[in-house]
PDB file of N, CA and C in Angstrom:
ATOM      1  N   MET A   1      46.996 -49.697 180.610  1.00  0.00           N
ATOM      2  CA  MET A   1      45.995 -50.298 181.467  1.00  0.00           C
ATOM      3  C   MET A   1      46.498 -51.663 181.925  1.00  0.00           C
ATOM      4  N   ILE A   2      46.515 -51.865 183.216  1.00  0.00           N
ATOM      5  CA  ILE A   2      46.962 -53.124 183.793  1.00  0.00           C
ATOM      6  C   ILE A   2      45.745 -54.011 184.032  1.00  0.00           C
ATOM      7  N   ILE A   3      45.780 -55.219 183.479  1.00  0.00           N
ATOM      8  CA  ILE A   3      44.633 -56.119 183.565  1.00  0.00           C
ATOM      9  C   ILE A   3      44.282 -56.445 185.010  1.00  0.00           C
ATOM     10  N   ASP A   4      45.276 -56.526 185.889  1.00  0.00           N
ATOM     11  CA  ASP A   4      45.023 -56.870 187.291  1.00  0.00           C
ATOM     12  C   ASP A   4      44.155 -55.846 188.008  1.00  0.00           C
ATOM     13  N   THR A   5      44.083 -54.624 187.480  1.00  0.00           N
ATOM     14  CA  THR A   5      43.292 -53.580 188.141  1.00  0.00           C
ATOM     15  C   THR A   5      41.858 -53.507 187.623  1.00  0.00           C
ATOM     16  N   ILE A   6      41.541 -54.328 186.633  1.00  0.00           N
ATOM     17  CA  ILE A   6      40.213 -54.308 186.015  1.00  0.00           C
ATOM     18  C   ILE A   6      39.210 -55.054 186.891  1.00  0.00           C
ATOM     19  N   ASP A   7      38.021 -54.500 187.028  1.00  0.00           N
ATOM     20  CA  ASP A   7      36.923 -55.195 187.703  1.00  0.00           C
ATOM     21  C   ASP A   7      36.365 -56.222 186.726  1.00  0.00           C
ATOM     22  N   ARG A   8      36.723 -57.486 186.912  1.00  0.00           N
ATOM     23  CA  ARG A   8      36.321 -58.553 185.985  1.00  0.00           C
ATOM     24  C   ARG A   8      34.811 -58.616 185.804  1.00  0.00           C
ATOM     25  N   ASP A   9      34.076 -58.325 186.856  1.00  0.00           N
ATOM     26  CA  ASP A   9      32.619 -58.400 186.788  1.00  0.00           C
ATOM     27  C   ASP A   9      32.019 -57.319 185.888  1.00  0.00           C
ATOM     28  N   SER A  10      32.788 -56.284 185.583  1.00  0.00           N
ATOM     29  CA  SER A  10      32.285 -55.218 184.712  1.00  0.00           C
ATOM     30  C   SER A  10      32.469 -55.558 183.235  1.00  0.00           C
ATOM     31  N   LEU A  11      33.219 -56.622 182.957  1.00  0.00           N
ATOM     32  CA  LEU A  11      33.491 -57.003 181.571  1.00  0.00           C
ATOM     33  C   LEU A  11      32.472 -58.022 181.073  1.00  0.00           C
ATOM     34  N   VAL A  12      32.165 -57.955 179.796  1.00  0.00           N
ATOM     35  CA  VAL A  12      31.259 -58.915 179.172  1.00  0.00           C
ATOM     36  C   VAL A  12      32.023 -60.199 178.888  1.00  0.00           C
ATOM     37  N   ASP A  13      31.420 -61.345 179.203  1.00  0.00           N
ATOM     38  CA  ASP A  13      32.006 -62.642 178.870  1.00  0.00           C
ATOM     39  C   ASP A  13      31.649 -62.948 177.419  1.00  0.00           C
ATOM     40  N   ILE A  14      32.654 -63.099 176.590  1.00  0.00           N
ATOM     41  CA  ILE A  14      32.425 -63.315 175.161  1.00  0.00           C
ATOM     42  C   ILE A  14      31.609 -64.573 174.901  1.00  0.00           C
ATOM     43  N   GLN A  15      31.621 -65.501 175.845  1.00  0.00           N
ATOM     44  CA  GLN A  15      30.845 -66.727 175.680  1.00  0.00           C
ATOM     45  C   GLN A  15      29.336 -66.458 175.722  1.00  0.00           C
ATOM     46  N   SER A  16      28.965 -65.287 176.239  1.00  0.00           N
ATOM     47  CA  SER A  16      27.543 -64.938 176.310  1.00  0.00           C
ATOM     48  C   SER A  16      27.075 -64.183 175.061  1.00  0.00           C
ATOM     49  N   VAL A  17      28.007 -63.840 174.188  1.00  0.00           N
ATOM     50  CA  VAL A  17      27.674 -63.097 172.975  1.00  0.00           C
ATOM     51  C   VAL A  17      27.150 -64.074 171.920  1.00  0.00           C
ATOM     52  N   SER A  18      26.039 -63.723 171.324  1.00  0.00           N
ATOM     53  CA  SER A  18      25.417 -64.565 170.306  1.00  0.00           C
ATOM     54  C   SER A  18      25.298 -63.768 169.005  1.00  0.00           C
ATOM     55  N   ILE A  19      25.834 -64.330 167.936  1.00  0.00           N
ATOM     56  CA  ILE A  19      25.818 -63.661 166.637  1.00  0.00           C
ATOM     57  C   ILE A  19      24.725 -64.275 165.768  1.00  0.00           C
ATOM     58  N   ASP A  20      23.860 -63.435 165.251  1.00  0.00           N
ATOM     59  CA  ASP A  20      22.802 -63.876 164.347  1.00  0.00           C
ATOM     60  C   ASP A  20      23.371 -63.873 162.930  1.00  0.00           C
ATOM     61  N   ASP A  21      23.722 -65.065 162.432  1.00  0.00           N
ATOM     62  CA  ASP A  21      24.370 -65.121 161.122  1.00  0.00           C
ATOM     63  C   ASP A  21      23.421 -64.904 159.948  1.00  0.00           C
ATOM     64  N   THR A  22      22.163 -64.634 160.231  1.00  0.00           N
ATOM     65  CA  THR A  22      21.236 -64.285 159.149  1.00  0.00           C
ATOM     66  C   THR A  22      21.266 -62.790 158.849  1.00  0.00           C
ATOM     67  N   LEU A  23      21.866 -62.009 159.731  1.00  0.00           N
ATOM     68  CA  LEU A  23      21.958 -60.559 159.517  1.00  0.00           C
ATOM     69  C   LEU A  23      23.043 -60.249 158.497  1.00  0.00           C
ATOM     70  N   PRO A  24      22.910 -59.135 157.785  1.00  0.00           N
ATOM     71  CA  PRO A  24      23.995 -58.691 156.892  1.00  0.00           C
ATOM     72  C   PRO A  24      25.256 -58.399 157.712  1.00  0.00           C
ATOM     73  N   LYS A  25      26.405 -58.463 157.057  1.00  0.00           N
ATOM     74  CA  LYS A  25      27.702 -58.303 157.728  1.00  0.00           C
ATOM     75  C   LYS A  25      27.761 -57.052 158.598  1.00  0.00           C
ATOM     76  N   ASP A  26      27.382 -55.895 158.075  1.00  0.00           N
ATOM     77  CA  ASP A  26      27.458 -54.644 158.841  1.00  0.00           C
ATOM     78  C   ASP A  26      26.607 -54.705 160.107  1.00  0.00           C
ATOM     79  N   GLU A  27      25.441 -55.299 160.010  1.00  0.00           N
ATOM     80  CA  GLU A  27      24.569 -55.416 161.182  1.00  0.00           C
ATOM     81  C   GLU A  27      25.129 -56.406 162.203  1.00  0.00           C
ATOM     82  N   ARG A  28      25.750 -57.485 161.723  1.00  0.00           N
ATOM     83  CA  ARG A  28      26.386 -58.443 162.648  1.00  0.00           C
ATOM     84  C   ARG A  28      27.493 -57.763 163.430  1.00  0.00           C
ATOM     85  N   ILE A  29      28.283 -56.940 162.740  1.00  0.00           N
ATOM     86  CA  ILE A  29      29.376 -56.221 163.408  1.00  0.00           C
ATOM     87  C   ILE A  29      28.812 -55.273 164.467  1.00  0.00           C
ATOM     88  N   ARG A  30      27.797 -54.502 164.097  1.00  0.00           N
ATOM     89  CA  ARG A  30      27.185 -53.566 165.058  1.00  0.00           C
ATOM     90  C   ARG A  30      26.596 -54.312 166.250  1.00  0.00           C
ATOM     91  N   ASP A  31      25.934 -55.434 165.990  1.00  0.00           N
ATOM     92  CA  ASP A  31      25.330 -56.210 167.063  1.00  0.00           C
ATOM     93  C   ASP A  31      26.399 -56.788 167.989  1.00  0.00           C
ATOM     94  N   TYR A  32      27.500 -57.258 167.422  1.00  0.00           N
ATOM     95  CA  TYR A  32      28.609 -57.784 168.230  1.00  0.00           C
ATOM     96  C   TYR A  32      29.160 -56.695 169.148  1.00  0.00           C
ATOM     97  N   ILE A  33      29.407 -55.524 168.589  1.00  0.00           N
ATOM     98  CA  ILE A  33      29.948 -54.416 169.392  1.00  0.00           C
ATOM     99  C   ILE A  33      28.954 -54.006 170.477  1.00  0.00           C
ATOM    100  N   ARG A  34      27.676 -53.979 170.137  1.00  0.00           N
ATOM    101  CA  ARG A  34      26.650 -53.634 171.125  1.00  0.00           C
ATOM    102  C   ARG A  34      26.681 -54.635 172.286  1.00  0.00           C
ATOM    103  N   GLN A  35      26.847 -55.905 171.981  1.00  0.00           N
ATOM    104  CA  GLN A  35      26.839 -56.932 173.018  1.00  0.00           C
ATOM    105  C   GLN A  35      28.128 -56.956 173.833  1.00  0.00           C
ATOM    106  N   ILE A  36      29.268 -56.890 173.180  1.00  0.00           N
ATOM    107  CA  ILE A  36      30.561 -57.031 173.870  1.00  0.00           C
ATOM    108  C   ILE A  36      30.977 -55.738 174.572  1.00  0.00           C
ATOM    109  N   LYS A  37      30.426 -54.618 174.136  1.00  0.00           N
ATOM    110  CA  LYS A  37      30.699 -53.272 174.661  1.00  0.00           C
ATOM    111  C   LYS A  37      32.108 -52.794 174.327  1.00  0.00           C
ATOM    112  N   ASN A  38      33.139 -53.528 174.688  1.00  0.00           N
ATOM    113  CA  ASN A  38      34.513 -53.134 174.392  1.00  0.00           C
ATOM    114  C   ASN A  38      35.225 -54.321 173.741  1.00  0.00           C
ATOM    115  N   PRO A  39      35.371 -54.309 172.415  1.00  0.00           N
ATOM    116  CA  PRO A  39      35.984 -55.458 171.748  1.00  0.00           C
ATOM    117  C   PRO A  39      37.476 -55.619 172.038  1.00  0.00           C
ATOM    118  N   TYR A  40      38.068 -54.656 172.711  1.00  0.00           N
ATOM    119  CA  TYR A  40      39.489 -54.726 173.043  1.00  0.00           C
ATOM    120  C   TYR A  40      39.737 -55.204 174.474  1.00  0.00           C
ATOM    121  N   LEU A  41      38.676 -55.328 175.272  1.00  0.00           N
ATOM    122  CA  LEU A  41      38.826 -55.771 176.658  1.00  0.00           C
ATOM    123  C   LEU A  41      37.547 -56.476 177.084  1.00  0.00           C
ATOM    124  N   TYR A  42      37.642 -57.774 177.281  1.00  0.00           N
ATOM    125  CA  TYR A  42      36.468 -58.567 177.643  1.00  0.00           C
ATOM    126  C   TYR A  42      36.925 -59.807 178.418  1.00  0.00           C
ATOM    127  N   ARG A  43      35.985 -60.601 178.856  1.00  0.00           N
ATOM    128  CA  ARG A  43      36.315 -61.843 179.553  1.00  0.00           C
ATOM    129  C   ARG A  43      36.037 -63.034 178.648  1.00  0.00           C
ATOM    130  N   HIS A  44      36.767 -64.101 178.892  1.00  0.00           N
ATOM    131  CA  HIS A  44      36.467 -65.417 178.335  1.00  0.00           C
ATOM    132  C   HIS A  44      36.526 -66.358 179.533  1.00  0.00           C
ATOM    133  N   GLY A  45      35.337 -66.572 180.122  1.00  0.00           N
ATOM    134  CA  GLY A  45      35.295 -67.359 181.355  1.00  0.00           C
ATOM    135  C   GLY A  45      35.997 -66.606 182.462  1.00  0.00           C
ATOM    136  N   LYS A  46      36.980 -67.247 183.086  1.00  0.00           N
ATOM    137  CA  LYS A  46      37.693 -66.605 184.195  1.00  0.00           C
ATOM    138  C   LYS A  46      38.868 -65.733 183.734  1.00  0.00           C
ATOM    139  N   TYR A  47      39.111 -65.714 182.427  1.00  0.00           N
ATOM    140  CA  TYR A  47      40.251 -64.966 181.892  1.00  0.00           C
ATOM    141  C   TYR A  47      39.835 -63.612 181.332  1.00  0.00           C
ATOM    142  N   VAL A  48      40.676 -62.605 181.570  1.00  0.00           N
ATOM    143  CA  VAL A  48      40.495 -61.286 180.972  1.00  0.00           C
ATOM    144  C   VAL A  48      41.333 -61.257 179.702  1.00  0.00           C
ATOM    145  N   VAL A  49      40.715 -60.821 178.600  1.00  0.00           N
ATOM    146  CA  VAL A  49      41.390 -60.750 177.310  1.00  0.00           C
ATOM    147  C   VAL A  49      41.541 -59.280 176.941  1.00  0.00           C
ATOM    148  N   LYS A  50      42.781 -58.881 176.655  1.00  0.00           N
ATOM    149  CA  LYS A  50      43.056 -57.516 176.223  1.00  0.00           C
ATOM    150  C   LYS A  50      43.701 -57.588 174.846  1.00  0.00           C
ATOM    151  N   ILE A  51      43.112 -56.913 173.886  1.00  0.00           N
ATOM    152  CA  ILE A  51      43.615 -56.897 172.517  1.00  0.00           C
ATOM    153  C   ILE A  51      44.374 -55.590 172.299  1.00  0.00           C
ATOM    154  N   ALA A  52      45.572 -55.707 171.736  1.00  0.00           N
ATOM    155  CA  ALA A  52      46.372 -54.525 171.425  1.00  0.00           C
ATOM    156  C   ALA A  52      47.105 -54.779 170.110  1.00  0.00           C
ATOM    157  N   PHE A  53      47.462 -53.727 169.430  1.00  0.00           N
ATOM    158  CA  PHE A  53      48.148 -53.835 168.153  1.00  0.00           C
ATOM    159  C   PHE A  53      49.485 -53.111 168.236  1.00  0.00           C
ATOM    160  N   ALA A  54      50.505 -53.754 167.684  1.00  0.00           N
ATOM    161  CA  ALA A  54      51.829 -53.141 167.635  1.00  0.00           C
ATOM    162  C   ALA A  54      51.906 -52.227 166.413  1.00  0.00           C
ATOM    163  N   ASP A  55      52.709 -51.205 166.526  1.00  0.00           N
ATOM    164  CA  ASP A  55      52.928 -50.285 165.411  1.00  0.00           C
ATOM    165  C   ASP A  55      54.016 -50.872 164.520  1.00  0.00           C
ATOM    166  N   THR A  56      53.598 -51.781 163.627  1.00  0.00           N
ATOM    167  CA  THR A  56      54.548 -52.478 162.764  1.00  0.00           C
ATOM    168  C   THR A  56      53.893 -52.805 161.430  1.00  0.00           C
ATOM    169  N   ASP A  57      54.713 -53.073 160.444  1.00  0.00           N
ATOM    170  CA  ASP A  57      54.210 -53.482 159.134  1.00  0.00           C
ATOM    171  C   ASP A  57      54.127 -55.001 159.001  1.00  0.00           C
ATOM    172  N   VAL A  58      54.603 -55.737 160.019  1.00  0.00           N
ATOM    173  CA  VAL A  58      54.569 -57.194 159.980  1.00  0.00           C
ATOM    174  C   VAL A  58      53.141 -57.657 160.227  1.00  0.00           C
ATOM    175  N   THR A  59      52.662 -58.571 159.387  1.00  0.00           N
ATOM    176  CA  THR A  59      51.286 -59.048 159.507  1.00  0.00           C
ATOM    177  C   THR A  59      51.181 -60.148 160.557  1.00  0.00           C
ATOM    178  N   LEU A  60      49.967 -60.379 161.022  1.00  0.00           N
ATOM    179  CA  LEU A  60      49.705 -61.475 161.947  1.00  0.00           C
ATOM    180  C   LEU A  60      50.085 -62.798 161.296  1.00  0.00           C
ATOM    181  N   GLU A  61      49.758 -62.932 160.022  1.00  0.00           N
ATOM    182  CA  GLU A  61      50.097 -64.163 159.301  1.00  0.00           C
ATOM    183  C   GLU A  61      51.602 -64.422 159.338  1.00  0.00           C
ATOM    184  N   GLN A  62      52.403 -63.389 159.110  1.00  0.00           N
ATOM    185  CA  GLN A  62      53.860 -63.564 159.132  1.00  0.00           C
ATOM    186  C   GLN A  62      54.345 -63.905 160.534  1.00  0.00           C
ATOM    187  N   ARG A  63      53.777 -63.268 161.543  1.00  0.00           N
ATOM    188  CA  ARG A  63      54.154 -63.588 162.929  1.00  0.00           C
ATOM    189  C   ARG A  63      53.851 -65.050 163.253  1.00  0.00           C
ATOM    190  N   LEU A  64      52.689 -65.541 162.804  1.00  0.00           N
ATOM    191  CA  LEU A  64      52.319 -66.930 163.060  1.00  0.00           C
ATOM    192  C   LEU A  64      53.255 -67.887 162.324  1.00  0.00           C
ATOM    193  N   ILE A  65      53.605 -67.573 161.081  1.00  0.00           N
ATOM    194  CA  ILE A  65      54.549 -68.398 160.328  1.00  0.00           C
ATOM    195  C   ILE A  65      55.885 -68.454 161.049  1.00  0.00           C
ATOM    196  N   ASP A  66      56.386 -67.299 161.492  1.00  0.00           N
ATOM    197  CA  ASP A  66      57.661 -67.247 162.209  1.00  0.00           C
ATOM    198  C   ASP A  66      57.597 -68.066 163.494  1.00  0.00           C
ATOM    199  N   TYR A  67      56.482 -67.969 164.220  1.00  0.00           N
ATOM    200  CA  TYR A  67      56.303 -68.711 165.476  1.00  0.00           C
ATOM    201  C   TYR A  67      56.324 -70.209 165.206  1.00  0.00           C
ATOM    202  N   ILE A  68      55.579 -70.651 164.205  1.00  0.00           N
ATOM    203  CA  ILE A  68      55.502 -72.083 163.895  1.00  0.00           C
ATOM    204  C   ILE A  68      56.869 -72.604 163.448  1.00  0.00           C
ATOM    205  N   ARG A  69      57.550 -71.829 162.626  1.00  0.00           N
ATOM    206  CA  ARG A  69      58.901 -72.231 162.193  1.00  0.00           C
ATOM    207  C   ARG A  69      59.842 -72.359 163.389  1.00  0.00           C
ATOM    208  N   ALA A  70      59.754 -71.429 164.310  1.00  0.00           N
ATOM    209  CA  ALA A  70      60.628 -71.485 165.494  1.00  0.00           C
ATOM    210  C   ALA A  70      60.309 -72.702 166.363  1.00  0.00           C
ATOM    211  N   LYS A  71      59.027 -73.026 166.492  1.00  0.00           N
ATOM    212  CA  LYS A  71      58.616 -74.167 167.318  1.00  0.00           C
ATOM    213  C   LYS A  71      58.957 -75.486 166.649  1.00  0.00           C
ATOM    214  N   CYS A  72      58.984 -75.516 165.319  1.00  0.00           N
ATOM    215  CA  CYS A  72      59.237 -76.758 164.573  1.00  0.00           C
ATOM    216  C   CYS A  72      60.709 -76.946 164.247  1.00  0.00           C
ATOM    217  N   ALA A  73      61.532 -75.961 164.556  1.00  0.00           N
ATOM    218  CA  ALA A  73      62.956 -76.054 164.236  1.00  0.00           C
ATOM    219  C   ALA A  73      63.599 -77.204 165.014  1.00  0.00           C
ATOM    220  N   VAL A  74      64.455 -77.918 164.336  1.00  0.00           N
ATOM    221  CA  VAL A  74      65.164 -79.034 164.970  1.00  0.00           C
ATOM    222  C   VAL A  74      66.258 -78.469 165.858  1.00  0.00           C
ATOM    223  N   ALA A  75      66.269 -78.929 167.099  1.00  0.00           N
ATOM    224  CA  ALA A  75      67.242 -78.407 168.072  1.00  0.00           C
ATOM    225  C   ALA A  75      68.590 -79.039 167.893  1.00  0.00           C
TER     226      ALA A  75
END
């Protein structure tokens, strides 16, 4: 799916989603999904956000550590 072909107006803006933190965890999750409609494709203001996962055993935490190390490396 190419983001440029998406009708931005059909996507929910995550800034409009409101989570009731008094609800139990399972109900908060269901309510979030009900509001956002598609948690893998939504808007944040003027930006379209697409979430995808790579088929790998490397964790997000490890990717972030590697990124920070690369950015902090002395040239």
